[in-house]
Amino acid sequence: MMERWIDEEVPQDECARRLIVRHIGGETAAERVENLRRYYKIKRSDGYPEQLADALNRIEGIEGDETLSLIADLMRESVLTPNEANAFTLSHIREKSR
């Protein structure tokens, strides 16, 4: 994988970010997301956009949780790409439904 990234001339910072995201510890998606949040020192957003999104989700019958909010925060801070965020979200939802 590293060889491919080198061939593609992926910057060193991006290589490090990808490795951290893929190999962060945790038994569940929620634990991995929390570990990423702590590693990158990301604080949960709690502003008007988040409150509005939570309210709209409740109207639609979608119940969010802390992990989903943290995934959005990590994506907003460019820690996660949209594809990585989607993968964490799907893993988290599957784990919750077990």
Protein backbone atom coordinates (compact mmCIF):
# COMPACT_ATOMS: atom_id res chain seq x y z
CA MET A 1 0.00 0.00 0.00
CA MET A 2 2.77 2.44 0.92
CA GLU A 3 4.52 1.73 -2.36
CA ARG A 4 1.37 2.63 -4.28
CA TRP A 5 1.01 5.88 -2.32
CA ILE A 6 4.66 6.71 -3.04
CA ASP A 7 4.11 6.01 -6.74
CA GLU A 8 1.02 8.25 -6.64
CA GLU A 9 3.10 10.93 -4.88
CA VAL A 10 0.73 11.12 -1.93
CA PRO A 11 2.13 13.69 0.55
CA GLN A 12 3.67 12.33 3.76
CA ASP A 13 1.04 13.99 5.96
CA GLU A 14 -1.74 12.28 4.00
CA CYS A 15 0.01 8.90 4.23
CA ALA A 16 0.25 9.33 8.01
CA ARG A 17 -3.42 10.35 8.26
CA ARG A 18 -4.53 7.32 6.23
CA LEU A 19 -2.47 4.94 8.37
CA ILE A 20 -3.80 6.41 11.60
CA VAL A 21 -7.41 6.21 10.43
CA ARG A 22 -7.02 2.61 9.24
CA HIS A 23 -5.11 1.32 12.25
CA ILE A 24 -6.49 3.28 15.21
CA GLY A 25 -7.30 0.92 18.07
CA GLY A 26 -10.75 -0.01 19.31
CA GLU A 27 -13.07 -3.00 19.36
CA THR A 28 -16.05 -1.15 17.86
CA ALA A 29 -16.55 1.67 15.39
CA ALA A 30 -17.63 3.89 18.30
CA GLU A 31 -14.37 3.21 20.15
CA ARG A 32 -12.30 3.83 17.03
CA VAL A 33 -14.10 7.12 16.35
CA GLU A 34 -13.58 8.20 19.98
CA ASN A 35 -9.88 7.29 19.75
CA LEU A 36 -9.55 9.36 16.56
CA ARG A 37 -11.28 12.27 18.27
CA ARG A 38 -8.88 12.08 21.20
CA TYR A 39 -5.81 11.62 18.98
CA TYR A 40 -6.64 14.67 16.87
CA LYS A 41 -8.04 16.63 19.87
CA ILE A 42 -11.38 17.30 18.16
CA LYS A 43 -14.18 18.75 20.26
CA ARG A 44 -17.81 17.98 19.56
CA SER A 45 -19.56 20.76 17.69
CA ASP A 46 -22.67 21.93 19.43
CA GLY A 47 -23.67 24.97 17.45
CA TYR A 48 -26.82 25.92 15.62
CA PRO A 49 -26.20 23.72 12.52
CA GLU A 50 -25.83 20.63 14.72
CA GLN A 51 -28.94 21.48 16.74
CA LEU A 52 -30.93 22.01 13.54
CA ALA A 53 -29.70 18.71 12.07
CA ASP A 54 -30.63 16.87 15.29
CA ALA A 55 -34.11 18.43 15.25
CA LEU A 56 -34.69 17.54 11.58
CA ASN A 57 -33.49 13.99 12.21
CA ARG A 58 -35.93 13.60 15.11
CA ILE A 59 -38.77 14.84 12.88
CA GLU A 60 -37.81 12.20 10.30
CA GLY A 61 -37.61 9.53 12.99
CA ILE A 62 -33.85 9.17 12.78
CA GLU A 63 -32.16 9.01 16.14
CA GLY A 64 -28.56 10.16 16.01
CA ASP A 65 -25.99 9.53 18.70
CA GLU A 66 -22.65 10.81 19.92
CA THR A 67 -20.66 8.59 17.55
CA LEU A 68 -22.48 9.82 14.45
CA SER A 69 -21.93 13.42 15.57
CA LEU A 70 -18.24 12.73 16.12
CA ILE A 71 -17.94 11.19 12.66
CA ALA A 72 -19.38 14.40 11.21
CA ASP A 73 -16.97 16.50 13.30
CA LEU A 74 -13.99 14.40 12.17
CA MET A 75 -15.05 14.79 8.56
CA ARG A 76 -15.57 18.54 9.00
CA GLU A 77 -12.01 18.81 10.36
CA SER A 78 -10.67 16.79 7.37
CA VAL A 79 -9.56 13.91 9.57
CA LEU A 80 -11.94 11.59 7.69
CA THR A 81 -12.72 11.58 4.01
CA PRO A 82 -16.38 11.15 3.00
CA ASN A 83 -15.68 7.49 2.10
CA GLU A 84 -14.03 6.84 5.47
CA ALA A 85 -16.89 8.58 7.28
CA ASN A 86 -19.41 6.44 5.39
CA ALA A 87 -17.52 3.27 6.31
CA PHE A 88 -17.45 4.23 10.01
CA THR A 89 -21.14 5.15 9.91
CA LEU A 90 -22.15 1.84 8.31
CA SER A 91 -20.01 -0.13 10.76
CA HIS A 92 -21.50 1.75 13.70
CA ILE A 93 -25.09 1.24 12.54
CA ARG A 94 -24.50 -2.47 11.91
CA GLU A 95 -22.94 -2.89 15.36
CA LYS A 96 -25.88 -1.10 17.02
CA SER A 97 -28.42 -3.32 15.26
CA ARG A 98 -26.90 -6.56 16.55
